Amino acid sequence: MANPASDIEIEVAYALPDKQKILQIAVAAGTSVKIAALNAGIEKHFAGLDVATAPLGIFGKLIAKPTEHVVKEGDRIEIYRPLLADPKASRIKRAEKKSS
């Protein structure tokens, strides 16, 4: 539980197609997205996950500078995984298939 004077409650989430995990953690006010994600320890639940290099977002919005962006009470940090296919290339492929 967070200390009301200095800590805030946030969530850190990561998902694979067959496994998801959301951790609720308390961090000091003023903590960056990157530091909060690293301190959550979610890597121990997913073999091969490297939070240090993964793209990070909050509620579906990519954070361009996670080392500078400060989390707020109730934020959910999301750790993104690489796309398996480029969405633009996939749309083009589907369109070509339809017109054939």
N, C-alpha and C. Protein backbone atom coordinates (compact mmCIF):
# COMPACT_ATOMS: atom_id res chain seq x y z
N MET A 1 0.84 -1.18 0.00
CA MET A 1 0.00 0.00 0.00
C MET A 1 0.88 1.24 0.00
N ALA A 2 0.46 2.26 -0.71
CA ALA A 2 1.25 3.47 -0.86
C ALA A 2 1.20 4.33 0.40
N ASN A 3 2.29 5.02 0.66
CA ASN A 3 2.34 6.01 1.71
C ASN A 3 1.71 7.28 1.14
N PRO A 4 0.59 7.74 1.66
CA PRO A 4 -0.13 8.87 1.06
C PRO A 4 0.71 10.14 0.92
N ALA A 5 1.72 10.30 1.74
CA ALA A 5 2.52 11.52 1.69
C ALA A 5 3.49 11.55 0.52
N SER A 6 3.97 10.37 0.07
CA SER A 6 5.02 10.40 -0.94
C SER A 6 4.86 9.41 -2.08
N ASP A 7 4.03 8.38 -1.93
CA ASP A 7 3.90 7.36 -2.95
C ASP A 7 2.58 7.48 -3.71
N ILE A 8 2.61 6.98 -4.94
CA ILE A 8 1.40 6.91 -5.74
C ILE A 8 1.23 5.48 -6.22
N GLU A 9 -0.01 5.08 -6.45
CA GLU A 9 -0.32 3.73 -6.93
C GLU A 9 -0.44 3.75 -8.45
N ILE A 10 0.25 2.82 -9.10
CA ILE A 10 0.16 2.68 -10.56
C ILE A 10 0.09 1.19 -10.89
N GLU A 11 -0.12 0.91 -12.18
CA GLU A 11 -0.10 -0.46 -12.66
C GLU A 11 0.94 -0.58 -13.77
N VAL A 12 1.51 -1.75 -13.90
CA VAL A 12 2.43 -2.05 -14.99
C VAL A 12 1.90 -3.32 -15.66
N ALA A 13 1.68 -3.25 -16.98
CA ALA A 13 1.05 -4.35 -17.70
C ALA A 13 1.90 -4.82 -18.88
N TYR A 14 1.84 -6.13 -19.11
CA TYR A 14 2.48 -6.73 -20.29
C TYR A 14 1.61 -7.91 -20.71
N ALA A 15 1.49 -8.11 -22.01
CA ALA A 15 0.63 -9.19 -22.49
C ALA A 15 1.25 -9.89 -23.69
N LEU A 16 1.10 -11.19 -23.68
CA LEU A 16 1.39 -12.05 -24.83
C LEU A 16 0.04 -12.60 -25.28
N PRO A 17 -0.04 -13.20 -26.45
CA PRO A 17 -1.33 -13.74 -26.89
C PRO A 17 -1.95 -14.73 -25.89
N ASP A 18 -1.11 -15.47 -25.15
CA ASP A 18 -1.62 -16.50 -24.25
C ASP A 18 -1.42 -16.21 -22.77
N LYS A 19 -0.82 -15.05 -22.43
CA LYS A 19 -0.54 -14.76 -21.03
C LYS A 19 -0.48 -13.24 -20.83
N GLN A 20 -1.15 -12.77 -19.79
CA GLN A 20 -1.14 -11.34 -19.47
C GLN A 20 -0.84 -11.19 -17.97
N LYS A 21 -0.25 -10.05 -17.65
CA LYS A 21 0.05 -9.78 -16.23
C LYS A 21 -0.06 -8.28 -15.99
N ILE A 22 -0.79 -7.91 -14.94
CA ILE A 22 -0.86 -6.52 -14.50
C ILE A 22 -0.43 -6.50 -13.04
N LEU A 23 0.60 -5.74 -12.77
CA LEU A 23 1.10 -5.61 -11.41
C LEU A 23 0.72 -4.24 -10.86
N GLN A 24 0.21 -4.21 -9.64
CA GLN A 24 -0.07 -2.94 -8.97
C GLN A 24 1.10 -2.66 -8.06
N ILE A 25 1.69 -1.47 -8.24
CA ILE A 25 2.85 -1.12 -7.43
C ILE A 25 2.71 0.31 -6.93
N ALA A 26 3.48 0.63 -5.92
CA ALA A 26 3.57 1.99 -5.40
C ALA A 26 4.95 2.53 -5.76
N VAL A 27 4.98 3.75 -6.27
CA VAL A 27 6.24 4.41 -6.60
C VAL A 27 6.24 5.80 -5.99
N ALA A 28 7.41 6.35 -5.83
CA ALA A 28 7.52 7.71 -5.30
C ALA A 28 6.98 8.70 -6.31
N ALA A 29 6.31 9.72 -5.83
CA ALA A 29 5.86 10.79 -6.71
C ALA A 29 7.07 11.35 -7.43
N GLY A 30 6.94 11.61 -8.74
CA GLY A 30 8.05 12.12 -9.52
C GLY A 30 8.83 11.05 -10.25
N THR A 31 8.43 9.78 -10.12
CA THR A 31 9.12 8.67 -10.78
C THR A 31 8.81 8.68 -12.27
N SER A 32 9.81 8.41 -13.09
CA SER A 32 9.61 8.36 -14.54
C SER A 32 8.96 7.04 -14.94
N VAL A 33 8.36 7.04 -16.12
CA VAL A 33 7.74 5.83 -16.66
C VAL A 33 8.76 4.71 -16.75
N LYS A 34 9.94 5.01 -17.25
CA LYS A 34 10.98 3.99 -17.42
C LYS A 34 11.39 3.38 -16.08
N ILE A 35 11.66 4.20 -15.10
CA ILE A 35 12.09 3.71 -13.79
C ILE A 35 10.98 2.88 -13.14
N ALA A 36 9.74 3.34 -13.23
CA ALA A 36 8.62 2.60 -12.65
C ALA A 36 8.49 1.23 -13.31
N ALA A 37 8.60 1.19 -14.64
CA ALA A 37 8.49 -0.09 -15.36
C ALA A 37 9.62 -1.04 -14.96
N LEU A 38 10.82 -0.51 -14.86
CA LEU A 38 11.96 -1.34 -14.47
C LEU A 38 11.82 -1.86 -13.04
N ASN A 39 11.30 -1.02 -12.14
CA ASN A 39 11.18 -1.39 -10.73
C ASN A 39 10.03 -2.35 -10.46
N ALA A 40 9.11 -2.50 -11.39
CA ALA A 40 7.95 -3.36 -11.18
C ALA A 40 8.34 -4.84 -11.09
N GLY A 41 9.41 -5.23 -11.77
CA GLY A 41 9.84 -6.62 -11.73
C GLY A 41 9.01 -7.56 -12.57
N ILE A 42 8.33 -7.02 -13.57
CA ILE A 42 7.46 -7.86 -14.41
C ILE A 42 8.26 -8.83 -15.27
N GLU A 43 9.54 -8.55 -15.48
CA GLU A 43 10.39 -9.42 -16.30
C GLU A 43 10.47 -10.85 -15.75
N LYS A 44 10.35 -10.99 -14.44
CA LYS A 44 10.46 -12.35 -13.87
C LYS A 44 9.25 -13.22 -14.23
N HIS A 45 8.19 -12.63 -14.77
CA HIS A 45 7.01 -13.39 -15.18
C HIS A 45 7.04 -13.77 -16.67
N PHE A 46 7.99 -13.19 -17.43
CA PHE A 46 8.05 -13.41 -18.87
C PHE A 46 9.49 -13.62 -19.31
N ALA A 47 9.83 -14.84 -19.68
CA ALA A 47 11.18 -15.13 -20.15
C ALA A 47 11.46 -14.34 -21.42
N GLY A 48 12.60 -13.70 -21.48
CA GLY A 48 13.01 -12.96 -22.67
C GLY A 48 12.55 -11.52 -22.73
N LEU A 49 11.71 -11.09 -21.81
CA LEU A 49 11.26 -9.69 -21.80
C LEU A 49 12.38 -8.80 -21.31
N ASP A 50 12.67 -7.74 -22.07
CA ASP A 50 13.69 -6.77 -21.69
C ASP A 50 13.04 -5.40 -21.57
N VAL A 51 12.59 -5.06 -20.38
CA VAL A 51 11.89 -3.80 -20.14
C VAL A 51 12.77 -2.61 -20.48
N ALA A 52 14.07 -2.74 -20.29
CA ALA A 52 15.00 -1.63 -20.53
C ALA A 52 14.96 -1.14 -21.98
N THR A 53 14.68 -2.04 -22.92
CA THR A 53 14.68 -1.66 -24.34
C THR A 53 13.29 -1.64 -24.97
N ALA A 54 12.28 -2.09 -24.24
CA ALA A 54 10.92 -2.18 -24.79
C ALA A 54 10.26 -0.80 -24.88
N PRO A 55 9.44 -0.58 -25.91
CA PRO A 55 8.65 0.65 -25.97
C PRO A 55 7.63 0.65 -24.83
N LEU A 56 7.36 1.82 -24.27
CA LEU A 56 6.44 1.95 -23.14
C LEU A 56 5.34 2.96 -23.47
N GLY A 57 4.19 2.73 -22.89
CA GLY A 57 3.08 3.66 -23.07
C GLY A 57 2.25 3.72 -21.82
N ILE A 58 1.28 4.64 -21.85
CA ILE A 58 0.32 4.76 -20.76
C ILE A 58 -1.06 4.75 -21.38
N PHE A 59 -1.88 3.77 -20.97
CA PHE A 59 -3.25 3.62 -21.47
C PHE A 59 -3.31 3.67 -23.00
N GLY A 60 -2.44 2.91 -23.67
CA GLY A 60 -2.49 2.79 -25.12
C GLY A 60 -1.81 3.90 -25.89
N LYS A 61 -1.19 4.83 -25.22
CA LYS A 61 -0.50 5.93 -25.91
C LYS A 61 1.00 5.80 -25.68
N LEU A 62 1.74 5.61 -26.79
CA LEU A 62 3.19 5.47 -26.72
C LEU A 62 3.81 6.71 -26.09
N ILE A 63 4.75 6.50 -25.18
CA ILE A 63 5.47 7.61 -24.55
C ILE A 63 6.83 7.72 -25.24
N ALA A 64 7.03 8.84 -25.92
CA ALA A 64 8.26 9.04 -26.70
C ALA A 64 9.51 9.11 -25.82
N LYS A 65 9.40 9.71 -24.65
CA LYS A 65 10.55 9.88 -23.77
C LYS A 65 10.22 9.33 -22.38
N PRO A 66 10.22 8.00 -22.25
CA PRO A 66 9.83 7.41 -20.96
C PRO A 66 10.77 7.74 -19.80
N THR A 67 11.99 8.16 -20.10
CA THR A 67 12.90 8.53 -19.01
C THR A 67 12.57 9.93 -18.47
N GLU A 68 11.79 10.71 -19.22
CA GLU A 68 11.44 12.06 -18.81
C GLU A 68 9.98 12.20 -18.36
N HIS A 69 9.12 11.33 -18.86
CA HIS A 69 7.68 11.41 -18.55
C HIS A 69 7.43 10.87 -17.14
N VAL A 70 6.78 11.66 -16.31
CA VAL A 70 6.51 11.29 -14.91
C VAL A 70 5.13 10.63 -14.81
N VAL A 71 5.07 9.52 -14.07
CA VAL A 71 3.78 8.84 -13.89
C VAL A 71 2.91 9.61 -12.90
N LYS A 72 1.59 9.42 -13.07
CA LYS A 72 0.62 10.03 -12.17
C LYS A 72 -0.18 8.94 -11.48
N GLU A 73 -0.79 9.28 -10.39
CA GLU A 73 -1.64 8.34 -9.65
C GLU A 73 -2.63 7.66 -10.59
N GLY A 74 -2.68 6.34 -10.54
CA GLY A 74 -3.64 5.59 -11.33
C GLY A 74 -3.20 5.25 -12.74
N ASP A 75 -2.04 5.73 -13.19
CA ASP A 75 -1.56 5.40 -14.54
C ASP A 75 -1.35 3.90 -14.68
N ARG A 76 -1.55 3.40 -15.91
CA ARG A 76 -1.20 2.01 -16.24
C ARG A 76 -0.11 2.06 -17.30
N ILE A 77 1.10 1.71 -16.91
CA ILE A 77 2.20 1.64 -17.86
C ILE A 77 2.06 0.34 -18.63
N GLU A 78 2.12 0.44 -19.94
CA GLU A 78 2.03 -0.74 -20.80
C GLU A 78 3.37 -0.96 -21.47
N ILE A 79 3.84 -2.19 -21.44
CA ILE A 79 5.08 -2.57 -22.09
C ILE A 79 4.70 -3.21 -23.41
N TYR A 80 5.16 -2.62 -24.49
CA TYR A 80 4.77 -3.09 -25.82
C TYR A 80 5.79 -4.07 -26.37
N ARG A 81 5.29 -5.04 -27.11
CA ARG A 81 6.16 -6.02 -27.76
C ARG A 81 6.22 -5.69 -29.25
N PRO A 82 7.22 -6.18 -29.94
CA PRO A 82 7.34 -5.89 -31.37
C PRO A 82 6.17 -6.49 -32.14
N LEU A 83 5.75 -5.80 -33.20
CA LEU A 83 4.69 -6.33 -34.07
C LEU A 83 5.24 -7.49 -34.88
N LEU A 84 4.39 -8.48 -35.10
CA LEU A 84 4.80 -9.62 -35.92
C LEU A 84 4.75 -9.26 -37.40
N ALA A 85 3.87 -8.36 -37.78
CA ALA A 85 3.75 -7.94 -39.17
C ALA A 85 3.47 -6.44 -39.22
N ASP A 86 3.99 -5.79 -40.24
CA ASP A 86 3.75 -4.37 -40.43
C ASP A 86 2.29 -4.17 -40.85
N PRO A 87 1.49 -3.41 -40.09
CA PRO A 87 0.08 -3.25 -40.42
C PRO A 87 -0.16 -2.69 -41.82
N LYS A 88 0.67 -1.77 -42.25
CA LYS A 88 0.52 -1.18 -43.58
C LYS A 88 0.75 -2.25 -44.67
N ALA A 89 1.79 -3.03 -44.50
CA ALA A 89 2.09 -4.09 -45.47
C ALA A 89 0.98 -5.13 -45.49
N SER A 90 0.42 -5.43 -44.31
CA SER A 90 -0.67 -6.41 -44.23
C SER A 90 -1.91 -5.92 -44.97
N ARG A 91 -2.24 -4.62 -44.82
CA ARG A 91 -3.40 -4.06 -45.53
C ARG A 91 -3.20 -4.11 -47.04
N ILE A 92 -2.01 -3.78 -47.48
CA ILE A 92 -1.71 -3.82 -48.93
C ILE A 92 -1.86 -5.25 -49.46
N LYS A 93 -1.34 -6.19 -48.70
CA LYS A 93 -1.42 -7.59 -49.11
C LYS A 93 -2.88 -8.06 -49.22
N ARG A 94 -3.70 -7.68 -48.23
CA ARG A 94 -5.12 -8.05 -48.26
C ARG A 94 -5.84 -7.40 -49.45
N ALA A 95 -5.51 -6.14 -49.73
CA ALA A 95 -6.14 -5.44 -50.84
C ALA A 95 -5.76 -6.10 -52.17
N GLU A 96 -4.51 -6.49 -52.30
CA GLU A 96 -4.06 -7.15 -53.53
C GLU A 96 -4.76 -8.50 -53.69
N LYS A 97 -4.94 -9.20 -52.60
CA LYS A 97 -5.60 -10.51 -52.63
C LYS A 97 -7.07 -10.36 -53.06
N LYS A 98 -7.74 -9.32 -52.56
CA LYS A 98 -9.15 -9.07 -52.91
C LYS A 98 -9.32 -8.74 -54.37
N SER A 99 -8.40 -7.97 -54.92
CA SER A 99 -8.53 -7.53 -56.32
C SER A 99 -8.12 -8.62 -57.30
N SER A 100 -7.56 -9.69 -56.84
CA SER A 100 -7.13 -10.79 -57.73
C SER A 100 -8.29 -11.63 -58.19
